[in-house]
Amino acid sequence: MSILYITGAGVSAESGIPTFRGKDGFWTIGSVNYTPQEMATRAMYLTHPDEFLLWYFRRFASYRHIQPNNVHDWLAGKKLITQNIDGLDGKAGNADYIPIHGRLDKVTVLHAQGDEVELIDAPWEKVVATCSNLENDAEVKAALLEAFKISKTTLAPAVEHSLKPFVLLFDEYYTELYNIHRIIVRKASKNALLLGQGWFWKF
C-alpha cells in the first residue's frame, strides 16, 4: 500500500513554532488595526503592503532559523503533503515534499494568479542586516518595502516587479505554483492511505 502523509501546524509545535488556533497561535495575533484574518489576504498586501509585510515578518519570518524535530526526521523519507510553510520538512531532508500553502524561505514577483513564475529566495536576512533596531516598526517597514521592491511613496506593489511572499492567502486560490497537479496525482494513487492528525482517508 502506498501511504501519503498529510501534516499541519501541530507537527512543528515541538520545534517551537506556535500553532494557528492555540492560545498563542498565529490566528490569535493580528496587528494594532487588523485581525489576523484581515492581515493574511492578498487584498491587504496590495493596499497596505507595509502593514502586511511587518505582520508576516513578525509572525512567520522570525521562525526562519527553527530546526526540525523528531517528527520531521521520521517523515523525511516518506510521501508528504504539508500545510506548513516553515520549511522544516525540507531541512529534515525530505526533498520531494509538497508544501501546499507555500514556503517561508521563498518569494515570487507579484503576478496574476495562475501565471508561471519562478520561486526566489526570500530577502529576510537583507531586511535584518538593514535594520539597526528590529523593535522599531517604522524602520523594519522601510527595510521590508525596500527588500520587496515596493515604493515607499505610493505603497503600491507593482506587477512583475515587486516581490510577494510565497504563501497562499485567504483570498487566493490554488494554482500550479502550489503543485496542485502533483497533489491530485498523489491523492489519486491506487490503494493510498492518507494520514493526518487524528483522521484518515482510505482509497
C-alpha atoms as a PDB file:
ATOM      1  CA  MET A   1       0.000   0.000   0.000  1.00  0.00           C
ATOM      2  CA  SER A   2       1.241   3.485  -0.875  1.00  0.00           C
ATOM      3  CA  ILE A   3       0.963   5.856   2.074  1.00  0.00           C
ATOM      4  CA  LEU A   4       0.697   9.599   1.732  1.00  0.00           C
ATOM      5  CA  TYR A   5       1.146  11.624   4.914  1.00  0.00           C
ATOM      6  CA  ILE A   6      -0.548  14.989   5.435  1.00  0.00           C
ATOM      7  CA  THR A   7       0.636  17.265   8.222  1.00  0.00           C
ATOM      8  CA  GLY A   8      -0.455  20.532   9.803  1.00  0.00           C
ATOM      9  CA  ALA A   9       0.779  23.078  12.312  1.00  0.00           C
ATOM     10  CA  GLY A  10       0.841  20.692  15.272  1.00  0.00           C
ATOM     11  CA  VAL A  11       3.813  18.836  13.783  1.00  0.00           C
ATOM     12  CA  SER A  12       6.040  21.901  14.181  1.00  0.00           C
ATOM     13  CA  ALA A  13       4.874  22.864  17.676  1.00  0.00           C
ATOM     14  CA  GLU A  14       7.626  20.790  19.292  1.00  0.00           C
ATOM     15  CA  SER A  15      10.179  22.830  17.353  1.00  0.00           C
ATOM     16  CA  GLY A  16       8.842  25.988  18.986  1.00  0.00           C
ATOM     17  CA  ILE A  17       6.530  27.300  16.272  1.00  0.00           C
ATOM     18  CA  PRO A  18       3.041  28.272  17.537  1.00  0.00           C
ATOM     19  CA  THR A  19       0.038  26.554  16.038  1.00  0.00           C
ATOM     20  CA  PHE A  20      -2.617  28.713  14.419  1.00  0.00           C
ATOM     21  CA  ARG A  21      -5.520  28.394  16.834  1.00  0.00           C
ATOM     22  CA  GLY A  22      -3.796  27.691  20.153  1.00  0.00           C
ATOM     23  CA  LYS A  23      -3.527  30.220  22.980  1.00  0.00           C
ATOM     24  CA  ASP A  24      -0.552  31.974  21.371  1.00  0.00           C
ATOM     25  CA  GLY A  25      -1.386  30.863  17.859  1.00  0.00           C
ATOM     26  CA  PHE A  26      -0.883  32.822  14.660  1.00  0.00           C
ATOM     27  CA  TRP A  27      -4.613  33.426  14.234  1.00  0.00           C
ATOM     28  CA  THR A  28      -4.906  34.989  17.700  1.00  0.00           C
ATOM     29  CA  ILE A  29      -2.313  37.691  16.970  1.00  0.00           C
ATOM     30  CA  GLY A  30      -3.048  40.376  14.426  1.00  0.00           C
ATOM     31  CA  SER A  31      -1.833  43.953  14.302  1.00  0.00           C
ATOM     32  CA  VAL A  32      -2.885  47.175  16.008  1.00  0.00           C
ATOM     33  CA  ASN A  33      -5.655  47.850  13.484  1.00  0.00           C
ATOM     34  CA  TYR A  34      -6.439  44.499  11.825  1.00  0.00           C
ATOM     35  CA  THR A  35      -7.357  40.948  12.754  1.00  0.00           C
ATOM     36  CA  PRO A  36      -5.124  38.059  11.588  1.00  0.00           C
ATOM     37  CA  GLN A  37      -7.831  37.024   9.128  1.00  0.00           C
ATOM     38  CA  GLU A  38      -7.727  40.503   7.591  1.00  0.00           C
ATOM     39  CA  MET A  39      -3.931  40.569   7.545  1.00  0.00           C
ATOM     40  CA  ALA A  40      -3.458  37.242   5.748  1.00  0.00           C
ATOM     41  CA  THR A  41      -5.011  38.374   2.483  1.00  0.00           C
ATOM     42  CA  ARG A  42      -3.849  39.412  -0.964  1.00  0.00           C
ATOM     43  CA  ALA A  43      -6.041  42.498  -0.581  1.00  0.00           C
ATOM     44  CA  MET A  44      -4.042  43.585   2.475  1.00  0.00           C
ATOM     45  CA  TYR A  45      -0.754  43.022   0.656  1.00  0.00           C
ATOM     46  CA  LEU A  46      -1.970  45.157  -2.268  1.00  0.00           C
ATOM     47  CA  THR A  47      -3.485  48.006  -0.234  1.00  0.00           C
ATOM     48  CA  HIS A  48      -1.326  48.084   2.909  1.00  0.00           C
ATOM     49  CA  PRO A  49       1.919  46.282   1.987  1.00  0.00           C
ATOM     50  CA  ASP A  50       3.865  47.838   4.856  1.00  0.00           C
ATOM     51  CA  GLU A  51       1.381  46.504   7.434  1.00  0.00           C
ATOM     52  CA  PHE A  52       1.159  43.121   5.703  1.00  0.00           C
ATOM     53  CA  LEU A  53       4.918  42.622   5.433  1.00  0.00           C
ATOM     54  CA  LEU A  54       5.553  43.717   9.011  1.00  0.00           C
ATOM     55  CA  TRP A  55       2.922  41.268  10.263  1.00  0.00           C
ATOM     56  CA  TYR A  56       4.326  38.461   8.115  1.00  0.00           C
ATOM     57  CA  PHE A  57       7.875  39.232   9.226  1.00  0.00           C
ATOM     58  CA  ARG A  58       6.961  39.277  12.918  1.00  0.00           C
ATOM     59  CA  ARG A  59       4.661  36.254  12.848  1.00  0.00           C
ATOM     60  CA  PHE A  60       6.444  33.950  10.404  1.00  0.00           C
ATOM     61  CA  ALA A  61       9.909  35.082   9.304  1.00  0.00           C
ATOM     62  CA  SER A  62      11.020  35.271  12.928  1.00  0.00           C
ATOM     63  CA  TYR A  63      10.922  31.449  12.929  1.00  0.00           C
ATOM     64  CA  ARG A  64      13.112  31.032   9.841  1.00  0.00           C
ATOM     65  CA  HIS A  65      16.025  29.534  11.801  1.00  0.00           C
ATOM     66  CA  ILE A  66      13.959  26.985  13.756  1.00  0.00           C
ATOM     67  CA  GLN A  67      15.151  23.397  13.306  1.00  0.00           C
ATOM     68  CA  PRO A  68      13.157  20.187  12.588  1.00  0.00           C
ATOM     69  CA  ASN A  69      12.052  17.869  15.366  1.00  0.00           C
ATOM     70  CA  ASN A  70      11.789  14.068  15.540  1.00  0.00           C
ATOM     71  CA  VAL A  71       8.521  14.005  13.593  1.00  0.00           C
ATOM     72  CA  HIS A  72      10.050  15.860  10.647  1.00  0.00           C
ATOM     73  CA  ASP A  73      13.030  13.499  10.759  1.00  0.00           C
ATOM     74  CA  TRP A  74      10.708  10.470  10.733  1.00  0.00           C
ATOM     75  CA  LEU A  75       8.800  11.854   7.752  1.00  0.00           C
ATOM     76  CA  ALA A  76      11.958  12.697   5.803  1.00  0.00           C
ATOM     77  CA  GLY A  77      11.816   9.661   3.517  1.00  0.00           C
ATOM     78  CA  LYS A  78       8.053   9.492   3.108  1.00  0.00           C
ATOM     79  CA  LYS A  79       5.486  10.864   0.638  1.00  0.00           C
ATOM     80  CA  LEU A  80       4.301  14.025   2.298  1.00  0.00           C
ATOM     81  CA  ILE A  81       1.945  16.938   1.803  1.00  0.00           C
ATOM     82  CA  THR A  82       2.153  19.648   4.464  1.00  0.00           C
ATOM     83  CA  GLN A  83       0.065  22.694   5.206  1.00  0.00           C
ATOM     84  CA  ASN A  84       3.066  24.263   6.931  1.00  0.00           C
ATOM     85  CA  ILE A  85       5.173  26.984   5.323  1.00  0.00           C
ATOM     86  CA  ASP A  86       8.069  26.692   7.783  1.00  0.00           C
ATOM     87  CA  GLY A  87      10.215  24.504   5.516  1.00  0.00           C
ATOM     88  CA  LEU A  88      11.172  22.139   8.339  1.00  0.00           C
ATOM     89  CA  ASP A  89      10.430  19.064   6.236  1.00  0.00           C
ATOM     90  CA  GLY A  90      12.963  20.244   3.682  1.00  0.00           C
ATOM     91  CA  LYS A  91      15.505  20.930   6.430  1.00  0.00           C
ATOM     92  CA  ALA A  92      14.916  17.381   7.672  1.00  0.00           C
ATOM     93  CA  GLY A  93      15.903  16.025   4.264  1.00  0.00           C
ATOM     94  CA  ASN A  94      12.574  15.414   2.521  1.00  0.00           C
ATOM     95  CA  ALA A  95      13.436  16.573  -0.997  1.00  0.00           C
ATOM     96  CA  ASP A  96      10.054  15.684  -2.511  1.00  0.00           C
ATOM     97  CA  TYR A  97       7.513  17.008  -0.005  1.00  0.00           C
ATOM     98  CA  ILE A  98       4.714  19.292  -1.205  1.00  0.00           C
ATOM     99  CA  PRO A  99       4.092  22.489   0.836  1.00  0.00           C
ATOM    100  CA  ILE A 100       0.561  23.252  -0.337  1.00  0.00           C
ATOM    101  CA  HIS A 101       0.430  26.686   1.308  1.00  0.00           C
ATOM    102  CA  GLY A 102       3.843  27.913   0.176  1.00  0.00           C
ATOM    103  CA  ARG A 103       7.259  28.313   1.777  1.00  0.00           C
ATOM    104  CA  LEU A 104       8.605  30.864   4.217  1.00  0.00           C
ATOM    105  CA  ASP A 105      12.032  30.926   2.565  1.00  0.00           C
ATOM    106  CA  LYS A 106      10.710  31.826  -0.902  1.00  0.00           C
ATOM    107  CA  VAL A 107       9.030  34.762  -2.625  1.00  0.00           C
ATOM    108  CA  THR A 108       7.743  35.435  -6.140  1.00  0.00           C
ATOM    109  CA  VAL A 109       7.297  38.538  -8.224  1.00  0.00           C
ATOM    110  CA  LEU A 110       3.775  39.862  -7.927  1.00  0.00           C
ATOM    111  CA  HIS A 111       1.767  38.237 -10.707  1.00  0.00           C
ATOM    112  CA  ALA A 112      -1.739  37.383 -11.797  1.00  0.00           C
ATOM    113  CA  GLN A 113      -2.770  34.131 -10.134  1.00  0.00           C
ATOM    114  CA  GLY A 114      -2.170  31.234 -12.479  1.00  0.00           C
ATOM    115  CA  ASP A 115       0.801  32.799 -14.284  1.00  0.00           C
ATOM    116  CA  GLU A 116       4.037  30.796 -14.281  1.00  0.00           C
ATOM    117  CA  VAL A 117       6.695  32.427 -12.121  1.00  0.00           C
ATOM    118  CA  GLU A 118       9.939  31.344 -10.516  1.00  0.00           C
ATOM    119  CA  LEU A 119      10.495  30.984  -6.802  1.00  0.00           C
ATOM    120  CA  ILE A 120      13.105  33.381  -5.418  1.00  0.00           C
ATOM    121  CA  ASP A 121      14.996  33.224  -2.125  1.00  0.00           C
ATOM    122  CA  ALA A 122      13.259  35.428   0.442  1.00  0.00           C
ATOM    123  CA  PRO A 123      15.217  38.558   1.452  1.00  0.00           C
ATOM    124  CA  TRP A 124      14.736  38.179   5.209  1.00  0.00           C
ATOM    125  CA  GLU A 125      18.443  38.385   6.031  1.00  0.00           C
ATOM    126  CA  LYS A 126      18.751  41.558   3.941  1.00  0.00           C
ATOM    127  CA  VAL A 127      15.959  43.111   5.990  1.00  0.00           C
ATOM    128  CA  VAL A 128      17.642  42.137   9.248  1.00  0.00           C
ATOM    129  CA  ALA A 129      21.023  43.448   8.090  1.00  0.00           C
ATOM    130  CA  THR A 130      19.470  46.777   7.067  1.00  0.00           C
ATOM    131  CA  CYS A 131      17.828  47.443  10.429  1.00  0.00           C
ATOM    132  CA  SER A 132      19.703  48.811  13.416  1.00  0.00           C
ATOM    133  CA  ASN A 133      16.711  48.182  15.676  1.00  0.00           C
ATOM    134  CA  LEU A 134      14.348  45.339  14.827  1.00  0.00           C
ATOM    135  CA  GLU A 135      11.938  46.526  17.515  1.00  0.00           C
ATOM    136  CA  ASN A 136      11.345  49.769  15.611  1.00  0.00           C
ATOM    137  CA  ASP A 137       8.306  49.095  13.432  1.00  0.00           C
ATOM    138  CA  ALA A 138       8.863  52.116  11.187  1.00  0.00           C
ATOM    139  CA  GLU A 139      12.452  51.100  10.468  1.00  0.00           C
ATOM    140  CA  VAL A 140      11.506  47.489   9.784  1.00  0.00           C
ATOM    141  CA  LYS A 141       8.656  48.547   7.488  1.00  0.00           C
ATOM    142  CA  ALA A 142      11.027  50.722   5.459  1.00  0.00           C
ATOM    143  CA  ALA A 143      13.526  47.861   5.144  1.00  0.00           C
ATOM    144  CA  LEU A 144      10.779  45.449   4.108  1.00  0.00           C
ATOM    145  CA  LEU A 145       9.405  47.781   1.447  1.00  0.00           C
ATOM    146  CA  GLU A 146      12.886  48.227   0.002  1.00  0.00           C
ATOM    147  CA  ALA A 147      13.659  44.497   0.046  1.00  0.00           C
ATOM    148  CA  PHE A 148      10.299  43.686  -1.575  1.00  0.00           C
ATOM    149  CA  LYS A 149      10.714  46.421  -4.210  1.00  0.00           C
ATOM    150  CA  ILE A 150       7.654  48.417  -3.213  1.00  0.00           C
ATOM    151  CA  SER A 151       7.571  52.209  -3.449  1.00  0.00           C
ATOM    152  CA  LYS A 152       7.638  53.910  -0.051  1.00  0.00           C
ATOM    153  CA  THR A 153       5.795  56.842  -1.627  1.00  0.00           C
ATOM    154  CA  THR A 154       2.861  55.127  -3.304  1.00  0.00           C
ATOM    155  CA  LEU A 155       2.799  51.942  -1.198  1.00  0.00           C
ATOM    156  CA  ALA A 156       1.560  50.196  -4.325  1.00  0.00           C
ATOM    157  CA  PRO A 157       3.106  46.821  -5.212  1.00  0.00           C
ATOM    158  CA  ALA A 158       3.925  46.681  -8.924  1.00  0.00           C
ATOM    159  CA  VAL A 159       3.019  43.638 -11.009  1.00  0.00           C
ATOM    160  CA  GLU A 160       6.065  41.796 -12.390  1.00  0.00           C
ATOM    161  CA  HIS A 161       8.373  43.925 -10.240  1.00  0.00           C
ATOM    162  CA  SER A 162       7.507  43.876  -6.562  1.00  0.00           C
ATOM    163  CA  LEU A 163       8.062  40.743  -4.504  1.00  0.00           C
ATOM    164  CA  LYS A 164       5.372  38.851  -2.611  1.00  0.00           C
ATOM    165  CA  PRO A 165       5.872  36.126  -0.001  1.00  0.00           C
ATOM    166  CA  PHE A 166       5.273  32.658  -1.430  1.00  0.00           C
ATOM    167  CA  VAL A 167       2.230  31.890   0.674  1.00  0.00           C
ATOM    168  CA  LEU A 168      -1.375  31.057  -0.166  1.00  0.00           C
ATOM    169  CA  LEU A 169      -3.522  33.775   1.381  1.00  0.00           C
ATOM    170  CA  PHE A 170      -7.176  33.570   2.408  1.00  0.00           C
ATOM    171  CA  ASP A 171      -8.495  35.333  -0.686  1.00  0.00           C
ATOM    172  CA  GLU A 172      -6.298  33.424  -3.148  1.00  0.00           C
ATOM    173  CA  TYR A 173      -6.803  30.053  -4.797  1.00  0.00           C
ATOM    174  CA  TYR A 174      -4.646  27.053  -5.594  1.00  0.00           C
ATOM    175  CA  THR A 175      -2.651  27.209  -8.811  1.00  0.00           C
ATOM    176  CA  GLU A 176       0.112  25.078 -10.282  1.00  0.00           C
ATOM    177  CA  LEU A 177       2.572  27.220  -8.319  1.00  0.00           C
ATOM    178  CA  TYR A 178       1.420  25.225  -5.291  1.00  0.00           C
ATOM    179  CA  ASN A 179       1.892  21.903  -7.091  1.00  0.00           C
ATOM    180  CA  ILE A 180      -1.836  21.284  -7.361  1.00  0.00           C
ATOM    181  CA  HIS A 181      -1.315  18.742 -10.181  1.00  0.00           C
ATOM    182  CA  ARG A 182       1.167  16.749  -8.091  1.00  0.00           C
ATOM    183  CA  ILE A 183      -1.285  16.805  -5.199  1.00  0.00           C
ATOM    184  CA  ILE A 184      -4.073  15.408  -7.342  1.00  0.00           C
ATOM    185  CA  VAL A 185      -1.813  12.676  -8.716  1.00  0.00           C
ATOM    186  CA  ARG A 186      -0.678  11.644  -5.270  1.00  0.00           C
ATOM    187  CA  LYS A 187      -4.182  11.607  -3.822  1.00  0.00           C
ATOM    188  CA  ALA A 188      -5.419   9.576  -6.766  1.00  0.00           C
ATOM    189  CA  SER A 189      -2.786   6.872  -6.312  1.00  0.00           C
ATOM    190  CA  LYS A 190      -4.392   3.421  -6.071  1.00  0.00           C
ATOM    191  CA  ASN A 191      -4.626   1.949  -2.569  1.00  0.00           C
ATOM    192  CA  ALA A 192      -3.337   5.114  -0.932  1.00  0.00           C
ATOM    193  CA  LEU A 193      -3.898   5.667   2.767  1.00  0.00           C
ATOM    194  CA  LEU A 194      -3.851   9.354   3.619  1.00  0.00           C
ATOM    195  CA  LEU A 195      -2.905  10.051   7.195  1.00  0.00           C
ATOM    196  CA  GLY A 196      -3.178  13.329   9.065  1.00  0.00           C
ATOM    197  CA  GLN A 197      -3.661  14.494  12.609  1.00  0.00           C
ATOM    198  CA  GLY A 198      -6.369  12.333  14.109  1.00  0.00           C
ATOM    199  CA  TRP A 199      -8.123  11.476  10.848  1.00  0.00           C
ATOM    200  CA  PHE A 200      -7.570   9.400   7.729  1.00  0.00           C
ATOM    201  CA  TRP A 201      -8.991   8.602   4.331  1.00  0.00           C
ATOM    202  CA  LYS A 202      -8.624   5.265   2.628  1.00  0.00           C
ATOM    203  CA  PHE A 203      -8.941   4.762  -1.132  1.00  0.00           C
END
